[in-house]
Amino acid sequence: MATRAHSVGSVPRTQVTGWVSLVKRAGIERVWTDALPETLAQSVLGPVTLLLRLTLGWIFVWAGFDKLIRGFSASAFLLHGTQGPLTFWFHSLGGSQMATNIVNPLVVWGEILIGITLIFGIFTRAGAFWGAVMMMLYYLAQFPPAQNPWLDEHLMYILLLGLLGALGAGRILGLDAWVERLPWVKRHHLVTLLLG
């Protein structure tokens, strides 16, 4: 059986390891490349990834600024809007003024900063990671979801943020592509885990 050598960036696909090779062995890659010519797939992936990054960034920025403008306080939600196995923990946070004084700015500024990382494509993986952590906390605060046994929009946000991190979305018209070329970043390779 003949194999075609495709390249992803500068790395031949035949050398790619991990989940990508599993996808290749399962034949999923062939379904994708047969359905869309490789050049079309490559030309569509970038703009769609950029649009997804900007859209999620705007959702986070707007949610944070809306809370900032309206004078957000998490205590009512923590005391009366939570359910599930971690209810006692959320109630203890909502019942403590000191805890809500910490939670309120974390939620507001966390959403704003996550959105900024996504919109500008700077430290995109770090922003996507913290966005996923925030969405998981929102999910756990109301587990199980009211309309579904286990799936709701927070899990979808987590999957989309993970996809942005995996695709290196910050390199597509984002500042991460510029930051990765800085000398101090090249000397400290672990920093690149936060970029992309």
N, C-alpha and C. Protein backbone atom coordinates (compact mmCIF):
# COMPACT_ATOMS: atom_id res chain seq x y z
N MET A 1 0.85 -1.18 0.00
CA MET A 1 0.00 0.00 0.00
C MET A 1 0.88 1.23 0.00
N ALA A 2 0.71 2.09 -0.96
CA ALA A 2 1.54 3.28 -1.08
C ALA A 2 1.06 4.34 -0.10
N THR A 3 2.01 5.08 0.44
CA THR A 3 1.65 6.17 1.35
C THR A 3 2.07 7.48 0.72
N ARG A 4 1.26 8.49 0.93
CA ARG A 4 1.59 9.82 0.43
C ARG A 4 2.28 10.59 1.55
N ALA A 5 3.31 11.31 1.20
CA ALA A 5 4.02 12.13 2.19
C ALA A 5 3.47 13.55 2.13
N HIS A 6 2.80 13.95 3.17
CA HIS A 6 2.29 15.31 3.29
C HIS A 6 3.15 16.01 4.33
N SER A 7 3.12 17.31 4.33
CA SER A 7 3.88 18.02 5.36
C SER A 7 2.96 18.92 6.15
N VAL A 8 3.22 18.99 7.46
CA VAL A 8 2.54 19.90 8.35
C VAL A 8 3.59 20.89 8.79
N GLY A 9 3.52 22.12 8.30
CA GLY A 9 4.58 23.09 8.56
C GLY A 9 5.84 22.60 7.90
N SER A 10 6.89 22.39 8.69
CA SER A 10 8.15 21.89 8.14
C SER A 10 8.38 20.44 8.51
N VAL A 11 7.44 19.80 9.20
CA VAL A 11 7.59 18.42 9.65
C VAL A 11 6.76 17.51 8.76
N PRO A 12 7.38 16.51 8.11
CA PRO A 12 6.59 15.58 7.31
C PRO A 12 5.59 14.84 8.19
N ARG A 13 4.39 14.63 7.67
CA ARG A 13 3.36 13.96 8.46
C ARG A 13 3.76 12.54 8.84
N THR A 14 4.64 11.94 8.05
CA THR A 14 5.06 10.58 8.38
C THR A 14 5.85 10.55 9.68
N GLN A 15 6.39 11.72 10.12
CA GLN A 15 7.16 11.77 11.35
C GLN A 15 6.33 12.21 12.54
N VAL A 16 5.11 12.62 12.33
CA VAL A 16 4.28 13.10 13.42
C VAL A 16 3.88 11.93 14.29
N THR A 17 3.97 12.13 15.61
CA THR A 17 3.66 11.05 16.54
C THR A 17 2.46 11.42 17.39
N GLY A 18 2.09 10.54 18.29
CA GLY A 18 1.01 10.81 19.23
C GLY A 18 -0.35 10.60 18.61
N TRP A 19 -1.29 11.49 18.99
CA TRP A 19 -2.68 11.32 18.56
C TRP A 19 -2.83 11.50 17.07
N VAL A 20 -1.95 12.29 16.43
CA VAL A 20 -2.06 12.50 14.99
C VAL A 20 -1.81 11.19 14.25
N SER A 21 -0.80 10.41 14.71
CA SER A 21 -0.54 9.13 14.06
C SER A 21 -1.70 8.15 14.29
N LEU A 22 -2.33 8.25 15.44
CA LEU A 22 -3.50 7.41 15.71
C LEU A 22 -4.63 7.76 14.74
N VAL A 23 -4.83 9.05 14.50
CA VAL A 23 -5.85 9.50 13.54
C VAL A 23 -5.52 8.97 12.16
N LYS A 24 -4.24 9.03 11.79
CA LYS A 24 -3.84 8.54 10.48
C LYS A 24 -4.12 7.04 10.35
N ARG A 25 -3.78 6.28 11.40
CA ARG A 25 -4.00 4.83 11.34
C ARG A 25 -5.48 4.50 11.28
N ALA A 26 -6.31 5.32 11.90
CA ALA A 26 -7.75 5.07 11.89
C ALA A 26 -8.38 5.44 10.54
N GLY A 27 -7.62 6.09 9.67
CA GLY A 27 -8.14 6.45 8.36
C GLY A 27 -8.92 7.75 8.35
N ILE A 28 -8.93 8.46 9.46
CA ILE A 28 -9.69 9.70 9.54
C ILE A 28 -9.05 10.76 8.66
N GLU A 29 -7.72 10.79 8.64
CA GLU A 29 -7.02 11.79 7.82
C GLU A 29 -7.40 11.61 6.36
N ARG A 30 -7.49 10.39 5.91
CA ARG A 30 -7.82 10.16 4.51
C ARG A 30 -9.22 10.66 4.18
N VAL A 31 -10.15 10.46 5.11
CA VAL A 31 -11.50 10.97 4.91
C VAL A 31 -11.46 12.49 4.73
N TRP A 32 -10.65 13.17 5.56
CA TRP A 32 -10.55 14.62 5.48
C TRP A 32 -9.92 15.05 4.16
N THR A 33 -8.78 14.46 3.81
CA THR A 33 -8.08 14.90 2.61
C THR A 33 -8.80 14.46 1.34
N ASP A 34 -9.56 13.37 1.42
CA ASP A 34 -10.34 12.98 0.25
C ASP A 34 -11.55 13.90 0.06
N ALA A 35 -12.14 14.34 1.16
CA ALA A 35 -13.32 15.21 1.07
C ALA A 35 -12.93 16.60 0.59
N LEU A 36 -11.79 17.09 1.07
CA LEU A 36 -11.30 18.41 0.66
C LEU A 36 -9.88 18.26 0.16
N PRO A 37 -9.56 18.82 -0.97
CA PRO A 37 -8.16 18.79 -1.41
C PRO A 37 -7.28 19.44 -0.35
N GLU A 38 -6.06 18.97 -0.23
CA GLU A 38 -5.18 19.45 0.83
C GLU A 38 -5.00 20.96 0.79
N THR A 39 -4.89 21.54 -0.39
CA THR A 39 -4.71 22.98 -0.47
C THR A 39 -5.95 23.72 0.03
N LEU A 40 -7.13 23.18 -0.26
CA LEU A 40 -8.36 23.81 0.24
C LEU A 40 -8.45 23.67 1.75
N ALA A 41 -8.11 22.49 2.28
CA ALA A 41 -8.14 22.27 3.73
C ALA A 41 -7.21 23.24 4.42
N GLN A 42 -6.02 23.43 3.86
CA GLN A 42 -5.06 24.36 4.46
C GLN A 42 -5.53 25.80 4.35
N SER A 43 -6.18 26.15 3.26
CA SER A 43 -6.63 27.54 3.10
C SER A 43 -7.84 27.84 3.97
N VAL A 44 -8.63 26.85 4.32
CA VAL A 44 -9.82 27.06 5.16
C VAL A 44 -9.46 27.03 6.64
N LEU A 45 -8.51 26.21 7.03
CA LEU A 45 -8.19 26.02 8.45
C LEU A 45 -7.74 27.31 9.12
N GLY A 46 -6.88 28.08 8.49
CA GLY A 46 -6.38 29.31 9.09
C GLY A 46 -7.47 30.33 9.38
N PRO A 47 -8.27 30.72 8.38
CA PRO A 47 -9.32 31.70 8.64
C PRO A 47 -10.37 31.22 9.66
N VAL A 48 -10.72 29.94 9.60
CA VAL A 48 -11.71 29.42 10.56
C VAL A 48 -11.13 29.45 11.97
N THR A 49 -9.86 29.08 12.12
CA THR A 49 -9.21 29.11 13.43
C THR A 49 -9.14 30.54 13.95
N LEU A 50 -8.78 31.48 13.10
CA LEU A 50 -8.73 32.89 13.49
C LEU A 50 -10.11 33.38 13.92
N LEU A 51 -11.13 33.06 13.15
CA LEU A 51 -12.49 33.49 13.48
C LEU A 51 -12.94 32.89 14.81
N LEU A 52 -12.62 31.63 15.05
CA LEU A 52 -12.97 30.99 16.31
C LEU A 52 -12.24 31.66 17.48
N ARG A 53 -10.96 31.96 17.30
CA ARG A 53 -10.18 32.62 18.37
C ARG A 53 -10.75 33.99 18.69
N LEU A 54 -11.06 34.78 17.65
CA LEU A 54 -11.60 36.12 17.88
C LEU A 54 -12.99 36.07 18.51
N THR A 55 -13.80 35.12 18.08
CA THR A 55 -15.15 34.99 18.62
C THR A 55 -15.12 34.63 20.10
N LEU A 56 -14.33 33.62 20.45
CA LEU A 56 -14.23 33.23 21.86
C LEU A 56 -13.61 34.36 22.68
N GLY A 57 -12.63 35.05 22.12
CA GLY A 57 -12.02 36.17 22.83
C GLY A 57 -13.04 37.25 23.13
N TRP A 58 -13.87 37.58 22.15
CA TRP A 58 -14.90 38.60 22.36
C TRP A 58 -15.92 38.15 23.41
N ILE A 59 -16.29 36.88 23.40
CA ILE A 59 -17.24 36.37 24.40
C ILE A 59 -16.68 36.58 25.81
N PHE A 60 -15.40 36.26 26.00
CA PHE A 60 -14.79 36.42 27.33
C PHE A 60 -14.65 37.90 27.70
N VAL A 61 -14.15 38.72 26.78
CA VAL A 61 -13.96 40.14 27.09
C VAL A 61 -15.30 40.79 27.43
N TRP A 62 -16.32 40.52 26.63
CA TRP A 62 -17.62 41.14 26.88
C TRP A 62 -18.21 40.67 28.21
N ALA A 63 -18.09 39.39 28.52
CA ALA A 63 -18.61 38.87 29.78
C ALA A 63 -17.93 39.56 30.96
N GLY A 64 -16.61 39.76 30.87
CA GLY A 64 -15.89 40.42 31.96
C GLY A 64 -16.26 41.89 32.09
N PHE A 65 -16.29 42.62 30.96
CA PHE A 65 -16.64 44.04 31.03
C PHE A 65 -18.10 44.25 31.46
N ASP A 66 -18.98 43.37 31.04
CA ASP A 66 -20.38 43.46 31.47
C ASP A 66 -20.48 43.32 32.98
N LYS A 67 -19.74 42.38 33.55
CA LYS A 67 -19.73 42.21 35.01
C LYS A 67 -19.11 43.43 35.69
N LEU A 68 -18.05 43.97 35.10
CA LEU A 68 -17.37 45.14 35.67
C LEU A 68 -18.30 46.35 35.68
N ILE A 69 -19.01 46.58 34.58
CA ILE A 69 -19.91 47.73 34.47
C ILE A 69 -21.10 47.60 35.41
N ARG A 70 -21.64 46.40 35.54
CA ARG A 70 -22.86 46.19 36.33
C ARG A 70 -22.59 46.00 37.82
N GLY A 71 -21.34 45.94 38.22
CA GLY A 71 -21.05 45.75 39.65
C GLY A 71 -21.30 44.32 40.10
N PHE A 72 -20.62 43.39 39.51
CA PHE A 72 -20.80 41.96 39.73
C PHE A 72 -20.42 41.55 41.15
N SER A 73 -21.22 40.67 41.72
CA SER A 73 -20.87 39.99 42.96
C SER A 73 -21.25 38.52 42.82
N ALA A 74 -20.30 37.65 43.10
CA ALA A 74 -20.52 36.21 42.93
C ALA A 74 -21.26 35.59 44.09
N SER A 75 -21.44 36.30 45.19
CA SER A 75 -21.99 35.67 46.40
C SER A 75 -23.41 35.12 46.20
N ALA A 76 -24.29 35.84 45.52
CA ALA A 76 -25.66 35.35 45.32
C ALA A 76 -25.65 34.06 44.51
N PHE A 77 -24.86 34.02 43.44
CA PHE A 77 -24.78 32.80 42.63
C PHE A 77 -24.19 31.66 43.44
N LEU A 78 -23.13 31.93 44.18
CA LEU A 78 -22.47 30.87 44.95
C LEU A 78 -23.39 30.31 46.03
N LEU A 79 -24.22 31.16 46.61
CA LEU A 79 -25.11 30.70 47.69
C LEU A 79 -26.40 30.07 47.17
N HIS A 80 -26.94 30.57 46.05
CA HIS A 80 -28.27 30.14 45.63
C HIS A 80 -28.33 29.51 44.24
N GLY A 81 -27.27 29.62 43.45
CA GLY A 81 -27.32 29.12 42.09
C GLY A 81 -26.49 27.87 41.84
N THR A 82 -25.88 27.35 42.86
CA THR A 82 -25.02 26.18 42.68
C THR A 82 -25.73 24.91 43.14
N GLN A 83 -25.28 23.80 42.58
CA GLN A 83 -25.83 22.49 42.93
C GLN A 83 -24.76 21.45 42.66
N GLY A 84 -25.02 20.24 43.07
CA GLY A 84 -24.11 19.15 42.74
C GLY A 84 -23.17 18.79 43.87
N PRO A 85 -22.16 17.97 43.56
CA PRO A 85 -21.29 17.42 44.60
C PRO A 85 -20.40 18.45 45.29
N LEU A 86 -20.14 19.60 44.68
CA LEU A 86 -19.27 20.62 45.28
C LEU A 86 -20.05 21.80 45.86
N THR A 87 -21.36 21.61 46.07
CA THR A 87 -22.20 22.69 46.55
C THR A 87 -21.68 23.26 47.87
N PHE A 88 -21.25 22.38 48.77
CA PHE A 88 -20.78 22.85 50.08
C PHE A 88 -19.59 23.80 49.92
N TRP A 89 -18.70 23.53 48.99
CA TRP A 89 -17.53 24.38 48.78
C TRP A 89 -17.95 25.73 48.19
N PHE A 90 -18.84 25.71 47.18
CA PHE A 90 -19.31 26.96 46.59
C PHE A 90 -20.09 27.79 47.61
N HIS A 91 -20.88 27.13 48.45
CA HIS A 91 -21.64 27.86 49.49
C HIS A 91 -20.69 28.50 50.50
N SER A 92 -19.62 27.77 50.85
CA SER A 92 -18.66 28.35 51.82
C SER A 92 -17.96 29.57 51.22
N LEU A 93 -17.69 29.54 49.91
CA LEU A 93 -17.10 30.72 49.26
C LEU A 93 -18.08 31.89 49.25
N GLY A 94 -19.34 31.60 48.91
CA GLY A 94 -20.35 32.65 48.84
C GLY A 94 -20.70 33.24 50.20
N GLY A 95 -20.55 32.45 51.26
CA GLY A 95 -20.88 32.93 52.60
C GLY A 95 -19.77 33.69 53.28
N SER A 96 -18.60 33.71 52.68
CA SER A 96 -17.45 34.40 53.27
C SER A 96 -17.17 35.69 52.49
N GLN A 97 -17.21 36.83 53.19
CA GLN A 97 -16.94 38.11 52.54
C GLN A 97 -15.51 38.16 52.03
N MET A 98 -14.58 37.59 52.78
CA MET A 98 -13.19 37.58 52.35
C MET A 98 -13.03 36.77 51.06
N ALA A 99 -13.71 35.63 50.97
CA ALA A 99 -13.63 34.80 49.77
C ALA A 99 -14.25 35.50 48.56
N THR A 100 -15.41 36.13 48.74
CA THR A 100 -16.03 36.81 47.61
C THR A 100 -15.22 38.04 47.18
N ASN A 101 -14.50 38.67 48.12
CA ASN A 101 -13.62 39.77 47.74
C ASN A 101 -12.47 39.29 46.85
N ILE A 102 -12.14 38.02 46.94
CA ILE A 102 -11.11 37.43 46.07
C ILE A 102 -11.74 36.90 44.78
N VAL A 103 -12.88 36.23 44.90
CA VAL A 103 -13.53 35.61 43.74
C VAL A 103 -14.02 36.65 42.73
N ASN A 104 -14.62 37.74 43.21
CA ASN A 104 -15.18 38.74 42.30
C ASN A 104 -14.16 39.29 41.31
N PRO A 105 -13.02 39.81 41.75
CA PRO A 105 -12.05 40.30 40.75
C PRO A 105 -11.43 39.18 39.93
N LEU A 106 -11.29 37.99 40.51
CA LEU A 106 -10.76 36.88 39.72
C LEU A 106 -11.66 36.55 38.54
N VAL A 107 -12.97 36.56 38.77
CA VAL A 107 -13.92 36.27 37.70
C VAL A 107 -13.90 37.38 36.66
N VAL A 108 -14.06 38.62 37.10
CA VAL A 108 -14.16 39.76 36.18
C VAL A 108 -12.88 39.92 35.38
N TRP A 109 -11.76 40.07 36.07
CA TRP A 109 -10.50 40.32 35.37
C TRP A 109 -9.96 39.07 34.70
N GLY A 110 -10.30 37.91 35.24
CA GLY A 110 -9.93 36.67 34.56
C GLY A 110 -10.58 36.57 33.19
N GLU A 111 -11.87 36.86 33.12
CA GLU A 111 -12.57 36.82 31.83
C GLU A 111 -12.00 37.86 30.86
N ILE A 112 -11.73 39.05 31.35
CA ILE A 112 -11.19 40.11 30.49
C ILE A 112 -9.82 39.71 29.97
N LEU A 113 -8.94 39.25 30.84
CA LEU A 113 -7.57 38.90 30.42
C LEU A 113 -7.56 37.69 29.50
N ILE A 114 -8.40 36.70 29.76
CA ILE A 114 -8.49 35.55 28.87
C ILE A 114 -8.93 36.00 27.49
N GLY A 115 -9.93 36.87 27.45
CA GLY A 115 -10.40 37.40 26.18
C GLY A 115 -9.33 38.18 25.43
N ILE A 116 -8.54 38.97 26.16
CA ILE A 116 -7.46 39.74 25.52
C ILE A 116 -6.41 38.82 24.93
N THR A 117 -6.05 37.76 25.67
CA THR A 117 -5.05 36.82 25.11
C THR A 117 -5.55 36.20 23.82
N LEU A 118 -6.83 35.90 23.76
CA LEU A 118 -7.39 35.28 22.56
C LEU A 118 -7.52 36.29 21.41
N ILE A 119 -8.01 37.47 21.69
CA ILE A 119 -8.21 38.46 20.63
C ILE A 119 -6.87 38.86 19.99
N PHE A 120 -5.87 39.12 20.82
CA PHE A 120 -4.58 39.56 20.30
C PHE A 120 -3.64 38.40 19.97
N GLY A 121 -4.02 37.19 20.32
CA GLY A 121 -3.18 36.04 20.02
C GLY A 121 -1.86 36.09 20.76
N ILE A 122 -1.89 36.53 22.02
CA ILE A 122 -0.68 36.64 22.83
C ILE A 122 -0.82 35.72 24.04
N PHE A 123 0.15 34.84 24.22
CA PHE A 123 0.08 33.80 25.26
C PHE A 123 -1.26 33.06 25.16
N THR A 124 -1.57 32.67 23.95
CA THR A 124 -2.87 32.07 23.63
C THR A 124 -3.10 30.77 24.38
N ARG A 125 -2.09 29.91 24.44
CA ARG A 125 -2.29 28.63 25.15
C ARG A 125 -2.52 28.85 26.64
N ALA A 126 -1.84 29.81 27.23
CA ALA A 126 -2.06 30.12 28.64
C ALA A 126 -3.49 30.64 28.84
N GLY A 127 -3.92 31.55 27.97
CA GLY A 127 -5.29 32.06 28.07
C GLY A 127 -6.32 30.98 27.86
N ALA A 128 -6.08 30.10 26.89
CA ALA A 128 -7.02 29.00 26.63
C ALA A 128 -7.07 28.04 27.82
N PHE A 129 -5.91 27.79 28.44
CA PHE A 129 -5.87 26.91 29.61
C PHE A 129 -6.70 27.49 30.75
N TRP A 130 -6.46 28.77 31.09
CA TRP A 130 -7.20 29.38 32.20
C TRP A 130 -8.67 29.57 31.86
N GLY A 131 -8.97 29.79 30.60
CA GLY A 131 -10.37 29.84 30.18
C GLY A 131 -11.05 28.49 30.39
N ALA A 132 -10.34 27.41 30.08
CA ALA A 132 -10.89 26.06 30.29
C ALA A 132 -11.07 25.77 31.77
N VAL A 133 -10.13 26.21 32.60
CA VAL A 133 -10.26 26.04 34.06
C VAL A 133 -11.50 26.77 34.56
N MET A 134 -11.68 28.02 34.10
CA MET A 134 -12.84 28.80 34.52
C MET A 134 -14.15 28.13 34.08
N MET A 135 -14.19 27.66 32.85
CA MET A 135 -15.39 26.99 32.35
C MET A 135 -15.67 25.69 33.12
N MET A 136 -14.62 24.98 33.52
CA MET A 136 -14.82 23.76 34.30
C MET A 136 -15.40 24.09 35.68
N LEU A 137 -14.95 25.19 36.28
CA LEU A 137 -15.52 25.60 37.56
C LEU A 137 -16.99 26.01 37.40
N TYR A 138 -17.31 26.72 36.32
CA TYR A 138 -18.71 27.08 36.06
C TYR A 138 -19.55 25.81 35.85
N TYR A 139 -18.99 24.85 35.15
CA TYR A 139 -19.69 23.59 34.89
C TYR A 139 -19.95 22.84 36.20
N LEU A 140 -18.91 22.73 37.03
CA LEU A 140 -19.05 22.00 38.29
C LEU A 140 -20.01 22.69 39.25
N ALA A 141 -20.13 24.02 39.14
CA ALA A 141 -21.03 24.75 40.03
C ALA A 141 -22.49 24.43 39.78
N GLN A 142 -22.82 23.92 38.60
CA GLN A 142 -24.21 23.60 38.29
C GLN A 142 -24.36 22.20 37.73
N PHE A 143 -23.55 21.30 38.25
CA PHE A 143 -23.61 19.91 37.81
C PHE A 143 -24.67 19.15 38.60
N PRO A 144 -25.48 18.33 37.96
CA PRO A 144 -25.60 18.08 36.53
C PRO A 144 -26.39 19.20 35.86
N PRO A 145 -26.12 19.43 34.56
CA PRO A 145 -26.83 20.49 33.84
C PRO A 145 -28.34 20.25 33.84
N ALA A 146 -29.09 21.33 33.80
CA ALA A 146 -30.55 21.24 33.87
C ALA A 146 -31.16 20.60 32.62
N GLN A 147 -30.60 20.84 31.45
CA GLN A 147 -31.23 20.39 30.20
C GLN A 147 -30.62 19.13 29.61
N ASN A 148 -29.60 18.57 30.24
CA ASN A 148 -28.89 17.43 29.67
C ASN A 148 -28.29 16.64 30.81
N PRO A 149 -28.14 15.33 30.67
CA PRO A 149 -27.57 14.55 31.78
C PRO A 149 -26.15 14.96 32.16
N TRP A 150 -25.35 15.42 31.20
CA TRP A 150 -23.98 15.80 31.56
C TRP A 150 -23.37 16.86 30.67
N LEU A 151 -23.90 17.12 29.49
CA LEU A 151 -23.27 18.04 28.54
C LEU A 151 -23.96 19.39 28.55
N ASP A 152 -23.15 20.47 28.59
CA ASP A 152 -23.70 21.81 28.43
C ASP A 152 -22.67 22.69 27.73
N GLU A 153 -22.98 23.98 27.59
CA GLU A 153 -22.12 24.88 26.81
C GLU A 153 -20.73 25.05 27.41
N HIS A 154 -20.60 24.88 28.72
CA HIS A 154 -19.28 25.05 29.34
C HIS A 154 -18.30 23.98 28.85
N LEU A 155 -18.77 22.76 28.67
CA LEU A 155 -17.89 21.72 28.13
C LEU A 155 -17.54 22.00 26.68
N MET A 156 -18.47 22.58 25.94
CA MET A 156 -18.17 22.93 24.55
C MET A 156 -17.10 24.03 24.50
N TYR A 157 -17.20 25.00 25.40
CA TYR A 157 -16.16 26.02 25.47
C TYR A 157 -14.79 25.40 25.77
N ILE A 158 -14.78 24.44 26.69
CA ILE A 158 -13.52 23.76 27.04
C ILE A 158 -12.93 23.08 25.81
N LEU A 159 -13.77 22.37 25.06
CA LEU A 159 -13.28 21.70 23.85
C LEU A 159 -12.76 22.70 22.82
N LEU A 160 -13.46 23.79 22.63
CA LEU A 160 -13.03 24.80 21.65
C LEU A 160 -11.73 25.47 22.09
N LEU A 161 -11.59 25.75 23.38
CA LEU A 161 -10.35 26.34 23.88
C LEU A 161 -9.19 25.36 23.73
N GLY A 162 -9.44 24.08 23.98
CA GLY A 162 -8.41 23.07 23.77
C GLY A 162 -8.01 22.98 22.31
N LEU A 163 -8.98 23.10 21.43
CA LEU A 163 -8.70 23.07 20.00
C LEU A 163 -7.83 24.26 19.59
N LEU A 164 -8.13 25.44 20.12
CA LEU A 164 -7.31 26.62 19.81
C LEU A 164 -5.87 26.42 20.26
N GLY A 165 -5.70 25.84 21.45
CA GLY A 165 -4.35 25.58 21.94
C GLY A 165 -3.63 24.56 21.09
N ALA A 166 -4.33 23.52 20.68
CA ALA A 166 -3.72 22.46 19.87
C ALA A 166 -3.35 22.96 18.48
N LEU A 167 -4.13 23.86 17.92
CA LEU A 167 -3.87 24.37 16.58
C LEU A 167 -2.84 25.49 16.55
N GLY A 168 -2.42 25.96 17.72
CA GLY A 168 -1.49 27.09 17.74
C GLY A 168 -2.14 28.34 17.18
N ALA A 169 -3.36 28.62 17.63
CA ALA A 169 -4.16 29.69 17.04
C ALA A 169 -3.56 31.07 17.19
N GLY A 170 -2.70 31.27 18.17
CA GLY A 170 -2.09 32.58 18.36
C GLY A 170 -1.07 32.93 17.30
N ARG A 171 -0.66 31.95 16.50
CA ARG A 171 0.30 32.20 15.43
C ARG A 171 -0.38 32.70 14.16
N ILE A 172 -1.71 32.63 14.11
CA ILE A 172 -2.45 33.06 12.93
C ILE A 172 -2.88 34.51 13.16
N LEU A 173 -2.17 35.44 12.55
CA LEU A 173 -2.41 36.87 12.73
C LEU A 173 -2.47 37.25 14.21
N GLY A 174 -1.62 36.64 15.00
CA GLY A 174 -1.55 36.93 16.43
C GLY A 174 -0.13 37.29 16.83
N LEU A 175 0.00 37.82 18.03
CA LEU A 175 1.30 38.27 18.51
C LEU A 175 2.21 37.12 18.93
N ASP A 176 1.66 35.93 19.13
CA ASP A 176 2.50 34.79 19.52
C ASP A 176 3.57 34.48 18.47
N ALA A 177 3.24 34.65 17.20
CA ALA A 177 4.22 34.40 16.14
C ALA A 177 5.41 35.35 16.27
N TRP A 178 5.16 36.58 16.67
CA TRP A 178 6.23 37.56 16.87
C TRP A 178 7.01 37.26 18.15
N VAL A 179 6.29 36.96 19.23
CA VAL A 179 6.94 36.70 20.52
C VAL A 179 7.87 35.49 20.44
N GLU A 180 7.46 34.47 19.68
CA GLU A 180 8.28 33.27 19.57
C GLU A 180 9.64 33.54 18.93
N ARG A 181 9.77 34.63 18.20
CA ARG A 181 11.05 34.96 17.55
C ARG A 181 11.98 35.77 18.44
N LEU A 182 11.49 36.20 19.62
CA LEU A 182 12.34 36.98 20.52
C LEU A 182 13.47 36.12 21.07
N PRO A 183 14.67 36.68 21.23
CA PRO A 183 15.82 35.88 21.70
C PRO A 183 15.60 35.22 23.06
N TRP A 184 14.99 35.93 24.01
CA TRP A 184 14.82 35.33 25.33
C TRP A 184 13.84 34.16 25.30
N VAL A 185 12.89 34.18 24.38
CA VAL A 185 11.96 33.06 24.23
C VAL A 185 12.70 31.87 23.63
N LYS A 186 13.56 32.13 22.66
CA LYS A 186 14.33 31.05 22.05
C LYS A 186 15.26 30.39 23.06
N ARG A 187 15.75 31.18 24.03
CA ARG A 187 16.63 30.61 25.07
C ARG A 187 15.84 29.82 26.11
N HIS A 188 14.58 30.16 26.32
CA HIS A 188 13.74 29.49 27.33
C HIS A 188 12.59 28.79 26.60
N HIS A 189 12.84 27.61 26.16
CA HIS A 189 11.87 26.89 25.31
C HIS A 189 10.55 26.60 26.02
N LEU A 190 10.56 26.53 27.35
CA LEU A 190 9.31 26.25 28.07
C LEU A 190 8.29 27.36 27.89
N VAL A 191 8.75 28.57 27.61
CA VAL A 191 7.84 29.70 27.39
C VAL A 191 6.95 29.43 26.18
N THR A 192 7.47 28.70 25.21
CA THR A 192 6.69 28.44 23.99
C THR A 192 5.46 27.58 24.29
N LEU A 193 5.44 26.88 25.43
CA LEU A 193 4.24 26.13 25.80
C LEU A 193 3.06 27.05 26.08
N LEU A 194 3.34 28.29 26.47
CA LEU A 194 2.30 29.26 26.77
C LEU A 194 1.82 29.99 25.50
N LEU A 195 2.66 29.94 24.47
CA LEU A 195 2.37 30.66 23.23
C LEU A 195 1.66 29.75 22.25
N GLY A 196 1.19 30.34 21.18
CA GLY A 196 0.65 29.52 20.09
C GLY A 196 -0.80 29.46 20.00
